[in-house]
Amino acid sequence: MNTKLMAHAKEIGIVLVLVALIVAFSIWTPQFLTVSNFFNIAKQVATSASARSASPSC
């Protein structure tokens, strides 16, 4: 049970860091928060997530 909780906490932490980065970059650069840039970020995150889920865990 504790292992599942830790894995879930890591996933939530990654999402929170991603959201914090998006907010920070949006404040610093107004051009950052555009629809096309949002889709680019989503594509890159999805690619990284699928590659990570396909790789065997150590």
PDB file of N, CA and C in Angstrom:
ATOM      1  N   MET A   1       0.831  -1.197   0.000  1.00  0.00           N
ATOM      2  CA  MET A   1       0.000   0.000   0.000  1.00  0.00           C
ATOM      3  C   MET A   1       0.869   1.251   0.000  1.00  0.00           C
ATOM      4  N   ASN A   2       1.913   1.267   0.803  1.00  0.00           N
ATOM      5  CA  ASN A   2       2.785   2.423   0.894  1.00  0.00           C
ATOM      6  C   ASN A   2       3.503   2.669  -0.430  1.00  0.00           C
ATOM      7  N   THR A   3       3.863   1.601  -1.145  1.00  0.00           N
ATOM      8  CA  THR A   3       4.541   1.738  -2.431  1.00  0.00           C
ATOM      9  C   THR A   3       3.617   2.393  -3.449  1.00  0.00           C
ATOM     10  N   LYS A   4       2.356   1.997  -3.446  1.00  0.00           N
ATOM     11  CA  LYS A   4       1.387   2.605  -4.367  1.00  0.00           C
ATOM     12  C   LYS A   4       1.191   4.082  -4.049  1.00  0.00           C
ATOM     13  N   LEU A   5       1.160   4.395  -2.778  1.00  0.00           N
ATOM     14  CA  LEU A   5       0.990   5.785  -2.356  1.00  0.00           C
ATOM     15  C   LEU A   5       2.179   6.633  -2.791  1.00  0.00           C
ATOM     16  N   MET A   6       3.380   6.112  -2.657  1.00  0.00           N
ATOM     17  CA  MET A   6       4.584   6.835  -3.074  1.00  0.00           C
ATOM     18  C   MET A   6       4.608   7.030  -4.587  1.00  0.00           C
ATOM     19  N   ALA A   7       4.202   6.029  -5.345  1.00  0.00           N
ATOM     20  CA  ALA A   7       4.166   6.147  -6.801  1.00  0.00           C
ATOM     21  C   ALA A   7       3.151   7.199  -7.213  1.00  0.00           C
ATOM     22  N   HIS A   8       2.025   7.219  -6.552  1.00  0.00           N
ATOM     23  CA  HIS A   8       0.993   8.215  -6.848  1.00  0.00           C
ATOM     24  C   HIS A   8       1.479   9.618  -6.493  1.00  0.00           C
ATOM     25  N   ALA A   9       2.173   9.749  -5.387  1.00  0.00           N
ATOM     26  CA  ALA A   9       2.704  11.052  -4.969  1.00  0.00           C
ATOM     27  C   ALA A   9       3.730  11.564  -5.973  1.00  0.00           C
ATOM     28  N   LYS A  10       4.545  10.681  -6.528  1.00  0.00           N
ATOM     29  CA  LYS A  10       5.521  11.084  -7.540  1.00  0.00           C
ATOM     30  C   LYS A  10       4.821  11.591  -8.791  1.00  0.00           C
ATOM     31  N   GLU A  11       3.757  10.909  -9.211  1.00  0.00           N
ATOM     32  CA  GLU A  11       3.014  11.341 -10.395  1.00  0.00           C
ATOM     33  C   GLU A  11       2.384  12.710 -10.165  1.00  0.00           C
ATOM     34  N   ILE A  12       1.797  12.911  -9.014  1.00  0.00           N
ATOM     35  CA  ILE A  12       1.181  14.196  -8.688  1.00  0.00           C
ATOM     36  C   ILE A  12       2.244  15.287  -8.644  1.00  0.00           C
ATOM     37  N   GLY A  13       3.400  14.969  -8.092  1.00  0.00           N
ATOM     38  CA  GLY A  13       4.491  15.936  -8.024  1.00  0.00           C
ATOM     39  C   GLY A  13       4.947  16.382  -9.394  1.00  0.00           C
ATOM     40  N   ILE A  14       5.029  15.450 -10.331  1.00  0.00           N
ATOM     41  CA  ILE A  14       5.436  15.782 -11.694  1.00  0.00           C
ATOM     42  C   ILE A  14       4.419  16.709 -12.336  1.00  0.00           C
ATOM     43  N   VAL A  15       3.151  16.432 -12.139  1.00  0.00           N
ATOM     44  CA  VAL A  15       2.097  17.275 -12.709  1.00  0.00           C
ATOM     45  C   VAL A  15       2.150  18.673 -12.093  1.00  0.00           C
ATOM     46  N   LEU A  16       2.356  18.749 -10.790  1.00  0.00           N
ATOM     47  CA  LEU A  16       2.430  20.054 -10.128  1.00  0.00           C
ATOM     48  C   LEU A  16       3.624  20.868 -10.618  1.00  0.00           C
ATOM     49  N   VAL A  17       4.754  20.221 -10.832  1.00  0.00           N
ATOM     50  CA  VAL A  17       5.927  20.925 -11.359  1.00  0.00           C
ATOM     51  C   VAL A  17       5.644  21.431 -12.764  1.00  0.00           C
ATOM     52  N   LEU A  18       5.004  20.619 -13.588  1.00  0.00           N
ATOM     53  CA  LEU A  18       4.663  21.040 -14.950  1.00  0.00           C
ATOM     54  C   LEU A  18       3.728  22.243 -14.931  1.00  0.00           C
ATOM     55  N   VAL A  19       2.722  22.214 -14.082  1.00  0.00           N
ATOM     56  CA  VAL A  19       1.788  23.339 -13.979  1.00  0.00           C
ATOM     57  C   VAL A  19       2.509  24.591 -13.479  1.00  0.00           C
ATOM     58  N   ALA A  20       3.390  24.430 -12.507  1.00  0.00           N
ATOM     59  CA  ALA A  20       4.144  25.579 -11.991  1.00  0.00           C
ATOM     60  C   ALA A  20       5.028  26.189 -13.072  1.00  0.00           C
ATOM     61  N   LEU A  21       5.662  25.353 -13.886  1.00  0.00           N
ATOM     62  CA  LEU A  21       6.490  25.864 -14.980  1.00  0.00           C
ATOM     63  C   LEU A  21       5.656  26.610 -16.014  1.00  0.00           C
ATOM     64  N   ILE A  22       4.495  26.081 -16.345  1.00  0.00           N
ATOM     65  CA  ILE A  22       3.620  26.745 -17.317  1.00  0.00           C
ATOM     66  C   ILE A  22       3.187  28.105 -16.791  1.00  0.00           C
ATOM     67  N   VAL A  23       2.818  28.170 -15.523  1.00  0.00           N
ATOM     68  CA  VAL A  23       2.404  29.445 -14.929  1.00  0.00           C
ATOM     69  C   VAL A  23       3.568  30.430 -14.916  1.00  0.00           C
ATOM     70  N   ALA A  24       4.741  29.973 -14.519  1.00  0.00           N
ATOM     71  CA  ALA A  24       5.907  30.865 -14.451  1.00  0.00           C
ATOM     72  C   ALA A  24       6.272  31.407 -15.826  1.00  0.00           C
ATOM     73  N   PHE A  25       6.339  30.533 -16.817  1.00  0.00           N
ATOM     74  CA  PHE A  25       6.689  30.993 -18.160  1.00  0.00           C
ATOM     75  C   PHE A  25       5.605  31.884 -18.757  1.00  0.00           C
ATOM     76  N   SER A  26       4.359  31.654 -18.389  1.00  0.00           N
ATOM     77  CA  SER A  26       3.272  32.507 -18.878  1.00  0.00           C
ATOM     78  C   SER A  26       3.376  33.913 -18.309  1.00  0.00           C
ATOM     79  N   ILE A  27       3.814  34.017 -17.071  1.00  0.00           N
ATOM     80  CA  ILE A  27       3.980  35.333 -16.455  1.00  0.00           C
ATOM     81  C   ILE A  27       5.168  36.060 -17.066  1.00  0.00           C
ATOM     82  N   TRP A  28       6.283  35.346 -17.253  1.00  0.00           N
ATOM     83  CA  TRP A  28       7.498  35.980 -17.771  1.00  0.00           C
ATOM     84  C   TRP A  28       7.396  36.324 -19.247  1.00  0.00           C
ATOM     85  N   THR A  29       6.713  35.490 -20.033  1.00  0.00           N
ATOM     86  CA  THR A  29       6.611  35.703 -21.475  1.00  0.00           C
ATOM     87  C   THR A  29       5.151  35.562 -21.887  1.00  0.00           C
ATOM     88  N   PRO A  30       4.464  36.653 -22.187  1.00  0.00           N
ATOM     89  CA  PRO A  30       3.046  36.568 -22.557  1.00  0.00           C
ATOM     90  C   PRO A  30       2.790  35.718 -23.807  1.00  0.00           C
ATOM     91  N   GLN A  31       3.763  35.619 -24.693  1.00  0.00           N
ATOM     92  CA  GLN A  31       3.579  34.818 -25.904  1.00  0.00           C
ATOM     93  C   GLN A  31       3.628  33.316 -25.615  1.00  0.00           C
ATOM     94  N   PHE A  32       4.037  32.954 -24.420  1.00  0.00           N
ATOM     95  CA  PHE A  32       4.158  31.532 -24.082  1.00  0.00           C
ATOM     96  C   PHE A  32       2.798  30.846 -24.049  1.00  0.00           C
ATOM     97  N   LEU A  33       1.800  31.513 -23.526  1.00  0.00           N
ATOM     98  CA  LEU A  33       0.490  30.888 -23.337  1.00  0.00           C
ATOM     99  C   LEU A  33      -0.383  31.108 -24.569  1.00  0.00           C
ATOM    100  N   THR A  34      -0.039  30.423 -25.647  1.00  0.00           N
ATOM    101  CA  THR A  34      -0.837  30.449 -26.867  1.00  0.00           C
ATOM    102  C   THR A  34      -1.340  29.037 -27.130  1.00  0.00           C
ATOM    103  N   VAL A  35      -2.345  28.939 -27.970  1.00  0.00           N
ATOM    104  CA  VAL A  35      -2.930  27.633 -28.258  1.00  0.00           C
ATOM    105  C   VAL A  35      -1.908  26.720 -28.933  1.00  0.00           C
ATOM    106  N   SER A  36      -1.183  27.245 -29.917  1.00  0.00           N
ATOM    107  CA  SER A  36      -0.216  26.397 -30.624  1.00  0.00           C
ATOM    108  C   SER A  36       0.907  25.941 -29.696  1.00  0.00           C
ATOM    109  N   ASN A  37       1.370  26.815 -28.831  1.00  0.00           N
ATOM    110  CA  ASN A  37       2.423  26.428 -27.888  1.00  0.00           C
ATOM    111  C   ASN A  37       1.897  25.411 -26.876  1.00  0.00           C
ATOM    112  N   PHE A  38       0.653  25.573 -26.448  1.00  0.00           N
ATOM    113  CA  PHE A  38       0.058  24.616 -25.521  1.00  0.00           C
ATOM    114  C   PHE A  38       0.004  23.227 -26.148  1.00  0.00           C
ATOM    115  N   PHE A  39      -0.379  23.151 -27.432  1.00  0.00           N
ATOM    116  CA  PHE A  39      -0.422  21.854 -28.109  1.00  0.00           C
ATOM    117  C   PHE A  39       0.981  21.271 -28.283  1.00  0.00           C
ATOM    118  N   ASN A  40       1.976  22.120 -28.538  1.00  0.00           N
ATOM    119  CA  ASN A  40       3.356  21.632 -28.626  1.00  0.00           C
ATOM    120  C   ASN A  40       3.810  21.030 -27.300  1.00  0.00           C
ATOM    121  N   ILE A  41       3.505  21.697 -26.212  1.00  0.00           N
ATOM    122  CA  ILE A  41       3.875  21.185 -24.884  1.00  0.00           C
ATOM    123  C   ILE A  41       3.156  19.866 -24.613  1.00  0.00           C
ATOM    124  N   ALA A  42       1.877  19.802 -24.938  1.00  0.00           N
ATOM    125  CA  ALA A  42       1.105  18.577 -24.710  1.00  0.00           C
ATOM    126  C   ALA A  42       1.671  17.412 -25.519  1.00  0.00           C
ATOM    127  N   LYS A  43       2.069  17.669 -26.761  1.00  0.00           N
ATOM    128  CA  LYS A  43       2.659  16.612 -27.592  1.00  0.00           C
ATOM    129  C   LYS A  43       3.968  16.118 -26.996  1.00  0.00           C
ATOM    130  N   GLN A  44       4.795  17.036 -26.534  1.00  0.00           N
ATOM    131  CA  GLN A  44       6.084  16.634 -25.978  1.00  0.00           C
ATOM    132  C   GLN A  44       5.919  15.873 -24.668  1.00  0.00           C
ATOM    133  N   VAL A  45       4.985  16.293 -23.845  1.00  0.00           N
ATOM    134  CA  VAL A  45       4.738  15.584 -22.588  1.00  0.00           C
ATOM    135  C   VAL A  45       4.186  14.192 -22.875  1.00  0.00           C
ATOM    136  N   ALA A  46       3.283  14.088 -23.847  1.00  0.00           N
ATOM    137  CA  ALA A  46       2.712  12.787 -24.190  1.00  0.00           C
ATOM    138  C   ALA A  46       3.782  11.849 -24.741  1.00  0.00           C
ATOM    139  N   THR A  47       4.675  12.375 -25.562  1.00  0.00           N
ATOM    140  CA  THR A  47       5.753  11.556 -26.113  1.00  0.00           C
ATOM    141  C   THR A  47       6.670  11.064 -25.005  1.00  0.00           C
ATOM    142  N   SER A  48       7.025  11.946 -24.097  1.00  0.00           N
ATOM    143  CA  SER A  48       7.892  11.551 -22.976  1.00  0.00           C
ATOM    144  C   SER A  48       7.198  10.533 -22.075  1.00  0.00           C
ATOM    145  N   ALA A  49       5.927  10.742 -21.831  1.00  0.00           N
ATOM    146  CA  ALA A  49       5.187   9.830 -20.960  1.00  0.00           C
ATOM    147  C   ALA A  49       5.047   8.453 -21.594  1.00  0.00           C
ATOM    148  N   SER A  50       4.786   8.402 -22.899  1.00  0.00           N
ATOM    149  CA  SER A  50       4.646   7.100 -23.546  1.00  0.00           C
ATOM    150  C   SER A  50       5.986   6.380 -23.617  1.00  0.00           C
ATOM    151  N   ALA A  51       7.070   7.116 -23.831  1.00  0.00           N
ATOM    152  CA  ALA A  51       8.393   6.493 -23.847  1.00  0.00           C
ATOM    153  C   ALA A  51       8.751   5.970 -22.460  1.00  0.00           C
ATOM    154  N   ARG A  52       8.377   6.717 -21.445  1.00  0.00           N
ATOM    155  CA  ARG A  52       8.684   6.299 -20.073  1.00  0.00           C
ATOM    156  C   ARG A  52       7.870   5.074 -19.683  1.00  0.00           C
ATOM    157  N   SER A  53       6.618   5.018 -20.111  1.00  0.00           N
ATOM    158  CA  SER A  53       5.792   3.872 -19.744  1.00  0.00           C
ATOM    159  C   SER A  53       6.203   2.618 -20.505  1.00  0.00           C
ATOM    160  N   ALA A  54       6.823   2.783 -21.678  1.00  0.00           N
ATOM    161  CA  ALA A  54       7.251   1.632 -22.461  1.00  0.00           C
ATOM    162  C   ALA A  54       8.581   1.066 -21.978  1.00  0.00           C
ATOM    163  N   SER A  55       9.369   1.875 -21.298  1.00  0.00           N
ATOM    164  CA  SER A  55      10.676   1.400 -20.840  1.00  0.00           C
ATOM    165  C   SER A  55      10.523   0.584 -19.562  1.00  0.00           C
ATOM    166  N   PRO A  56      11.332  -0.442 -19.425  1.00  0.00           N
ATOM    167  CA  PRO A  56      11.242  -1.244 -18.194  1.00  0.00           C
ATOM    168  C   PRO A  56      11.763  -0.456 -16.996  1.00  0.00           C
ATOM    169  N   SER A  57      11.102  -0.631 -15.882  1.00  0.00           N
ATOM    170  CA  SER A  57      11.541   0.082 -14.677  1.00  0.00           C
ATOM    171  C   SER A  57      12.700  -0.658 -14.034  1.00  0.00           C
ATOM    172  N   CYS A  58      13.560   0.101 -13.401  1.00  0.00           N
ATOM    173  CA  CYS A  58      14.753  -0.496 -12.773  1.00  0.00           C
ATOM    174  C   CYS A  58      14.482  -0.885 -11.352  1.00  0.00           C
TER     175      CYS A  58
END
